[in-house]
Amino acid sequence: SGDFEEFIYLISHDVRNSVRALIELP
């Protein structure tokens, strides 16, 4: 559904900011 798609987009976008830091940490 459109609501679930928007939820996926927002969560994925925000979580990826933290993941970028985790990629650099090692």
PDB file of all heavy atoms in Angstrom:
ATOM      1  N   SER A   1       0.832  -1.198   0.000  1.00  0.00           N
ATOM      2  CA  SER A   1       0.000   0.000   0.000  1.00  0.00           C
ATOM      3  C   SER A   1       0.863   1.242   0.000  1.00  0.00           C
ATOM      4  O   SER A   1       2.041   1.224   0.343  1.00  0.00           O
ATOM      5  CB  SER A   1      -0.883  -0.004   1.252  1.00  0.00           C
ATOM      6  OG  SER A   1      -0.093   0.202   2.406  1.00  0.00           O
ATOM      7  N   GLY A   2       0.252   2.379  -0.392  1.00  0.00           N
ATOM      8  CA  GLY A   2       0.974   3.640  -0.420  1.00  0.00           C
ATOM      9  C   GLY A   2       1.505   4.033   0.949  1.00  0.00           C
ATOM     10  O   GLY A   2       2.618   4.529   1.061  1.00  0.00           O
ATOM     11  N   ASP A   3       0.715   3.810   1.996  1.00  0.00           N
ATOM     12  CA  ASP A   3       1.154   4.148   3.347  1.00  0.00           C
ATOM     13  C   ASP A   3       2.381   3.324   3.738  1.00  0.00           C
ATOM     14  O   ASP A   3       3.334   3.831   4.325  1.00  0.00           O
ATOM     15  CB  ASP A   3       0.025   3.894   4.348  1.00  0.00           C
ATOM     16  CG  ASP A   3      -1.070   4.941   4.244  1.00  0.00           C
ATOM     17  OD1 ASP A   3      -0.924   5.872   3.433  1.00  0.00           O
ATOM     18  OD2 ASP A   3      -2.074   4.824   4.977  1.00  0.00           O
ATOM     19  N   PHE A   4       2.352   2.038   3.415  1.00  0.00           N
ATOM     20  CA  PHE A   4       3.466   1.166   3.782  1.00  0.00           C
ATOM     21  C   PHE A   4       4.709   1.520   2.977  1.00  0.00           C
ATOM     22  O   PHE A   4       5.827   1.483   3.485  1.00  0.00           O
ATOM     23  CB  PHE A   4       3.077  -0.299   3.562  1.00  0.00           C
ATOM     24  CG  PHE A   4       4.001  -1.271   4.246  1.00  0.00           C
ATOM     25  CD1 PHE A   4       4.040  -1.359   5.621  1.00  0.00           C
ATOM     26  CD2 PHE A   4       4.836  -2.100   3.489  1.00  0.00           C
ATOM     27  CE1 PHE A   4       4.897  -2.252   6.257  1.00  0.00           C
ATOM     28  CE2 PHE A   4       5.690  -2.994   4.118  1.00  0.00           C
ATOM     29  CZ  PHE A   4       5.721  -3.072   5.498  1.00  0.00           C
ATOM     30  N   GLU A   5       4.515   1.901   1.700  1.00  0.00           N
ATOM     31  CA  GLU A   5       5.642   2.333   0.877  1.00  0.00           C
ATOM     32  C   GLU A   5       6.308   3.564   1.469  1.00  0.00           C
ATOM     33  O   GLU A   5       7.534   3.672   1.505  1.00  0.00           O
ATOM     34  CB  GLU A   5       5.161   2.653  -0.544  1.00  0.00           C
ATOM     35  CG  GLU A   5       4.900   1.433  -1.385  1.00  0.00           C
ATOM     36  CD  GLU A   5       4.464   1.810  -2.781  1.00  0.00           C
ATOM     37  OE1 GLU A   5       4.029   2.970  -2.967  1.00  0.00           O
ATOM     38  OE2 GLU A   5       4.556   0.961  -3.666  1.00  0.00           O
ATOM     39  N   GLU A   6       5.496   4.512   1.915  1.00  0.00           N
ATOM     40  CA  GLU A   6       6.051   5.726   2.506  1.00  0.00           C
ATOM     41  C   GLU A   6       6.818   5.398   3.779  1.00  0.00           C
ATOM     42  O   GLU A   6       7.890   5.953   4.043  1.00  0.00           O
ATOM     43  CB  GLU A   6       4.931   6.720   2.813  1.00  0.00           C
ATOM     44  CG  GLU A   6       5.437   8.051   3.349  1.00  0.00           C
ATOM     45  CD  GLU A   6       4.329   9.063   3.562  1.00  0.00           C
ATOM     46  OE1 GLU A   6       3.182   8.777   3.161  1.00  0.00           O
ATOM     47  OE2 GLU A   6       4.616  10.122   4.129  1.00  0.00           O
ATOM     48  N   PHE A   7       6.271   4.470   4.560  1.00  0.00           N
ATOM     49  CA  PHE A   7       6.952   4.034   5.784  1.00  0.00           C
ATOM     50  C   PHE A   7       8.305   3.410   5.439  1.00  0.00           C
ATOM     51  O   PHE A   7       9.324   3.695   6.075  1.00  0.00           O
ATOM     52  CB  PHE A   7       6.050   3.029   6.515  1.00  0.00           C
ATOM     53  CG  PHE A   7       6.633   2.502   7.795  1.00  0.00           C
ATOM     54  CD1 PHE A   7       6.685   3.279   8.929  1.00  0.00           C
ATOM     55  CD2 PHE A   7       7.133   1.207   7.853  1.00  0.00           C
ATOM     56  CE1 PHE A   7       7.219   2.791  10.106  1.00  0.00           C
ATOM     57  CE2 PHE A   7       7.671   0.704   9.028  1.00  0.00           C
ATOM     58  CZ  PHE A   7       7.707   1.502  10.165  1.00  0.00           C
ATOM     59  N   ILE A   8       8.333   2.536   4.404  1.00  0.00           N
ATOM     60  CA  ILE A   8       9.577   1.909   3.971  1.00  0.00           C
ATOM     61  C   ILE A   8      10.595   2.978   3.568  1.00  0.00           C
ATOM     62  O   ILE A   8      11.760   2.931   3.954  1.00  0.00           O
ATOM     63  CB  ILE A   8       9.318   0.946   2.788  1.00  0.00           C
ATOM     64  CG1 ILE A   8       8.545  -0.279   3.261  1.00  0.00           C
ATOM     65  CG2 ILE A   8      10.638   0.516   2.145  1.00  0.00           C
ATOM     66  CD1 ILE A   8       8.105  -1.189   2.122  1.00  0.00           C
ATOM     67  N   TYR A   9      10.128   3.948   2.786  1.00  0.00           N
ATOM     68  CA  TYR A   9      11.039   4.994   2.303  1.00  0.00           C
ATOM     69  C   TYR A   9      11.658   5.781   3.459  1.00  0.00           C
ATOM     70  O   TYR A   9      12.876   5.976   3.522  1.00  0.00           O
ATOM     71  CB  TYR A   9      10.296   5.940   1.360  1.00  0.00           C
ATOM     72  CG  TYR A   9      11.138   7.124   0.947  1.00  0.00           C
ATOM     73  CD1 TYR A   9      12.089   7.009  -0.062  1.00  0.00           C
ATOM     74  CD2 TYR A   9      11.001   8.352   1.593  1.00  0.00           C
ATOM     75  CE1 TYR A   9      12.870   8.088  -0.425  1.00  0.00           C
ATOM     76  CE2 TYR A   9      11.782   9.438   1.236  1.00  0.00           C
ATOM     77  CZ  TYR A   9      12.715   9.297   0.217  1.00  0.00           C
ATOM     78  OH  TYR A   9      13.501  10.361  -0.127  1.00  0.00           O
ATOM     79  N   LEU A  10      10.811   6.238   4.368  1.00  0.00           N
ATOM     80  CA  LEU A  10      11.303   7.078   5.457  1.00  0.00           C
ATOM     81  C   LEU A  10      12.251   6.316   6.381  1.00  0.00           C
ATOM     82  O   LEU A  10      13.309   6.826   6.756  1.00  0.00           O
ATOM     83  CB  LEU A  10      10.114   7.626   6.249  1.00  0.00           C
ATOM     84  CG  LEU A  10       9.229   8.625   5.490  1.00  0.00           C
ATOM     85  CD1 LEU A  10       7.963   8.926   6.281  1.00  0.00           C
ATOM     86  CD2 LEU A  10       9.983   9.912   5.198  1.00  0.00           C
ATOM     87  N   ILE A  11      11.879   5.092   6.738  1.00  0.00           N
ATOM     88  CA  ILE A  11      12.739   4.300   7.623  1.00  0.00           C
ATOM     89  C   ILE A  11      14.064   3.979   6.936  1.00  0.00           C
ATOM     90  O   ILE A  11      15.145   4.123   7.520  1.00  0.00           O
ATOM     91  CB  ILE A  11      12.020   3.006   8.049  1.00  0.00           C
ATOM     92  CG1 ILE A  11      10.850   3.324   8.990  1.00  0.00           C
ATOM     93  CG2 ILE A  11      13.005   2.050   8.734  1.00  0.00           C
ATOM     94  CD1 ILE A  11      11.257   3.954  10.311  1.00  0.00           C
ATOM     95  N   SER A  12      14.002   3.536   5.675  1.00  0.00           N
ATOM     96  CA  SER A  12      15.222   3.156   4.955  1.00  0.00           C
ATOM     97  C   SER A  12      16.153   4.343   4.803  1.00  0.00           C
ATOM     98  O   SER A  12      17.370   4.234   4.975  1.00  0.00           O
ATOM     99  CB  SER A  12      14.870   2.593   3.577  1.00  0.00           C
ATOM    100  OG  SER A  12      14.055   1.454   3.687  1.00  0.00           O
ATOM    101  N   HIS A  13      15.583   5.503   4.496  1.00  0.00           N
ATOM    102  CA  HIS A  13      16.395   6.704   4.303  1.00  0.00           C
ATOM    103  C   HIS A  13      17.109   7.093   5.580  1.00  0.00           C
ATOM    104  O   HIS A  13      18.313   7.372   5.586  1.00  0.00           O
ATOM    105  CB  HIS A  13      15.494   7.845   3.820  1.00  0.00           C
ATOM    106  CG  HIS A  13      16.248   9.090   3.487  1.00  0.00           C
ATOM    107  ND1 HIS A  13      16.590  10.031   4.434  1.00  0.00           N
ATOM    108  CD2 HIS A  13      16.745   9.542   2.307  1.00  0.00           C
ATOM    109  CE1 HIS A  13      17.250  11.012   3.859  1.00  0.00           C
ATOM    110  NE2 HIS A  13      17.366  10.745   2.566  1.00  0.00           N
ATOM    111  N   ASP A  14      16.385   7.111   6.690  1.00  0.00           N
ATOM    112  CA  ASP A  14      16.985   7.535   7.955  1.00  0.00           C
ATOM    113  C   ASP A  14      17.976   6.510   8.493  1.00  0.00           C
ATOM    114  O   ASP A  14      19.053   6.865   8.982  1.00  0.00           O
ATOM    115  CB  ASP A  14      15.888   7.803   8.998  1.00  0.00           C
ATOM    116  CG  ASP A  14      15.173   9.125   8.736  1.00  0.00           C
ATOM    117  OD1 ASP A  14      15.506   9.770   7.727  1.00  0.00           O
ATOM    118  OD2 ASP A  14      14.295   9.500   9.529  1.00  0.00           O
ATOM    119  N   VAL A  15      17.618   5.222   8.410  1.00  0.00           N
ATOM    120  CA  VAL A  15      18.518   4.182   8.921  1.00  0.00           C
ATOM    121  C   VAL A  15      19.812   4.163   8.121  1.00  0.00           C
ATOM    122  O   VAL A  15      20.899   3.921   8.655  1.00  0.00           O
ATOM    123  CB  VAL A  15      17.828   2.804   8.885  1.00  0.00           C
ATOM    124  CG1 VAL A  15      18.823   1.691   9.191  1.00  0.00           C
ATOM    125  CG2 VAL A  15      16.692   2.761   9.901  1.00  0.00           C
ATOM    126  N   ARG A  16      19.724   4.448   6.809  1.00  0.00           N
ATOM    127  CA  ARG A  16      20.930   4.390   5.980  1.00  0.00           C
ATOM    128  C   ARG A  16      21.955   5.430   6.412  1.00  0.00           C
ATOM    129  O   ARG A  16      23.166   5.223   6.251  1.00  0.00           O
ATOM    130  CB  ARG A  16      20.566   4.583   4.506  1.00  0.00           C
ATOM    131  CG  ARG A  16      21.723   4.166   3.617  1.00  0.00           C
ATOM    132  CD  ARG A  16      21.413   4.154   2.155  1.00  0.00           C
ATOM    133  NE  ARG A  16      22.594   3.726   1.454  1.00  0.00           N
ATOM    134  CZ  ARG A  16      23.094   4.323   0.387  1.00  0.00           C
ATOM    135  NH1 ARG A  16      22.482   5.383  -0.118  1.00  0.00           N
ATOM    136  NH2 ARG A  16      24.182   3.873  -0.198  1.00  0.00           N
ATOM    137  N   ASN A  17      21.513   6.553   6.955  1.00  0.00           N
ATOM    138  CA  ASN A  17      22.465   7.542   7.446  1.00  0.00           C
ATOM    139  C   ASN A  17      23.346   6.948   8.542  1.00  0.00           C
ATOM    140  O   ASN A  17      24.552   7.198   8.587  1.00  0.00           O
ATOM    141  CB  ASN A  17      21.727   8.769   7.987  1.00  0.00           C
ATOM    142  CG  ASN A  17      21.077   9.577   6.875  1.00  0.00           C
ATOM    143  OD1 ASN A  17      21.549   9.578   5.749  1.00  0.00           O
ATOM    144  ND2 ASN A  17      19.983  10.256   7.188  1.00  0.00           N
ATOM    145  N   SER A  18      22.746   6.150   9.413  1.00  0.00           N
ATOM    146  CA  SER A  18      23.520   5.499  10.474  1.00  0.00           C
ATOM    147  C   SER A  18      24.395   4.381   9.911  1.00  0.00           C
ATOM    148  O   SER A  18      25.522   4.169  10.363  1.00  0.00           O
ATOM    149  CB  SER A  18      22.580   4.928  11.538  1.00  0.00           C
ATOM    150  OG  SER A  18      21.841   5.957  12.170  1.00  0.00           O
ATOM    151  N   VAL A  19      23.881   3.675   8.917  1.00  0.00           N
ATOM    152  CA  VAL A  19      24.644   2.579   8.328  1.00  0.00           C
ATOM    153  C   VAL A  19      25.909   3.100   7.658  1.00  0.00           C
ATOM    154  O   VAL A  19      26.962   2.457   7.701  1.00  0.00           O
ATOM    155  CB  VAL A  19      23.776   1.788   7.324  1.00  0.00           C
ATOM    156  CG1 VAL A  19      24.610   0.789   6.533  1.00  0.00           C
ATOM    157  CG2 VAL A  19      22.679   1.044   8.066  1.00  0.00           C
ATOM    158  N   ARG A  20      25.822   4.278   7.041  1.00  0.00           N
ATOM    159  CA  ARG A  20      27.020   4.851   6.414  1.00  0.00           C
ATOM    160  C   ARG A  20      28.135   5.027   7.446  1.00  0.00           C
ATOM    161  O   ARG A  20      29.316   4.801   7.158  1.00  0.00           O
ATOM    162  CB  ARG A  20      26.682   6.195   5.773  1.00  0.00           C
ATOM    163  CG  ARG A  20      25.819   6.085   4.522  1.00  0.00           C
ATOM    164  CD  ARG A  20      25.836   7.392   3.753  1.00  0.00           C
ATOM    165  NE  ARG A  20      24.853   7.391   2.687  1.00  0.00           N
ATOM    166  CZ  ARG A  20      23.685   8.013   2.735  1.00  0.00           C
ATOM    167  NH1 ARG A  20      23.336   8.660   3.837  1.00  0.00           N
ATOM    168  NH2 ARG A  20      22.853   7.963   1.718  1.00  0.00           N
ATOM    169  N   ALA A  21      27.758   5.446   8.647  1.00  0.00           N
ATOM    170  CA  ALA A  21      28.758   5.601   9.711  1.00  0.00           C
ATOM    171  C   ALA A  21      29.326   4.244  10.117  1.00  0.00           C
ATOM    172  O   ALA A  21      30.531   4.106  10.366  1.00  0.00           O
ATOM    173  CB  ALA A  21      28.133   6.294  10.916  1.00  0.00           C
ATOM    174  N   LEU A  22      28.470   3.229  10.163  1.00  0.00           N
ATOM    175  CA  LEU A  22      28.936   1.886  10.526  1.00  0.00           C
ATOM    176  C   LEU A  22      29.868   1.311   9.469  1.00  0.00           C
ATOM    177  O   LEU A  22      30.776   0.531   9.781  1.00  0.00           O
ATOM    178  CB  LEU A  22      27.735   0.951  10.718  1.00  0.00           C
ATOM    179  CG  LEU A  22      26.840   1.241  11.922  1.00  0.00           C
ATOM    180  CD1 LEU A  22      25.638   0.315  11.929  1.00  0.00           C
ATOM    181  CD2 LEU A  22      27.631   1.084  13.221  1.00  0.00           C
ATOM    182  N   ILE A  23      29.657   1.674   8.208  1.00  0.00           N
ATOM    183  CA  ILE A  23      30.544   1.212   7.143  1.00  0.00           C
ATOM    184  C   ILE A  23      31.943   1.802   7.312  1.00  0.00           C
ATOM    185  O   ILE A  23      32.958   1.137   7.073  1.00  0.00           O
ATOM    186  CB  ILE A  23      29.958   1.584   5.762  1.00  0.00           C
ATOM    187  CG1 ILE A  23      28.726   0.725   5.475  1.00  0.00           C
ATOM    188  CG2 ILE A  23      30.988   1.410   4.651  1.00  0.00           C
ATOM    189  CD1 ILE A  23      27.990   1.109   4.211  1.00  0.00           C
ATOM    190  N   GLU A  24      32.006   3.060   7.738  1.00  0.00           N
ATOM    191  CA  GLU A  24      33.299   3.725   7.904  1.00  0.00           C
ATOM    192  C   GLU A  24      34.013   3.286   9.180  1.00  0.00           C
ATOM    193  O   GLU A  24      35.245   3.335   9.249  1.00  0.00           O
ATOM    194  CB  GLU A  24      33.102   5.235   7.925  1.00  0.00           C
ATOM    195  CG  GLU A  24      32.615   5.805   6.597  1.00  0.00           C
ATOM    196  CD  GLU A  24      32.346   7.290   6.677  1.00  0.00           C
ATOM    197  OE1 GLU A  24      32.331   7.819   7.811  1.00  0.00           O
ATOM    198  OE2 GLU A  24      32.161   7.925   5.624  1.00  0.00           O
ATOM    199  N   LEU A  25      33.260   2.848  10.177  1.00  0.00           N
ATOM    200  CA  LEU A  25      33.852   2.519  11.470  1.00  0.00           C
ATOM    201  C   LEU A  25      34.943   1.449  11.391  1.00  0.00           C
ATOM    202  O   LEU A  25      36.031   1.636  11.966  1.00  0.00           O
ATOM    203  CB  LEU A  25      32.748   2.091  12.452  1.00  0.00           C
ATOM    204  CG  LEU A  25      33.175   1.825  13.902  1.00  0.00           C
ATOM    205  CD1 LEU A  25      33.826   3.076  14.495  1.00  0.00           C
ATOM    206  CD2 LEU A  25      31.974   1.398  14.744  1.00  0.00           C
ATOM    207  N   PRO A  26      34.724   0.304  10.700  1.00  0.00           N
ATOM    208  CA  PRO A  26      35.806  -0.686  10.613  1.00  0.00           C
ATOM    209  C   PRO A  26      37.061  -0.127   9.952  1.00  0.00           C
ATOM    210  O   PRO A  26      38.174  -0.518  10.305  1.00  0.00           O
ATOM    211  CB  PRO A  26      35.186  -1.811   9.765  1.00  0.00           C
ATOM    212  CG  PRO A  26      33.728  -1.659   9.920  1.00  0.00           C
ATOM    213  CD  PRO A  26      33.491  -0.195  10.049  1.00  0.00           C
TER     214      PRO A  26
END
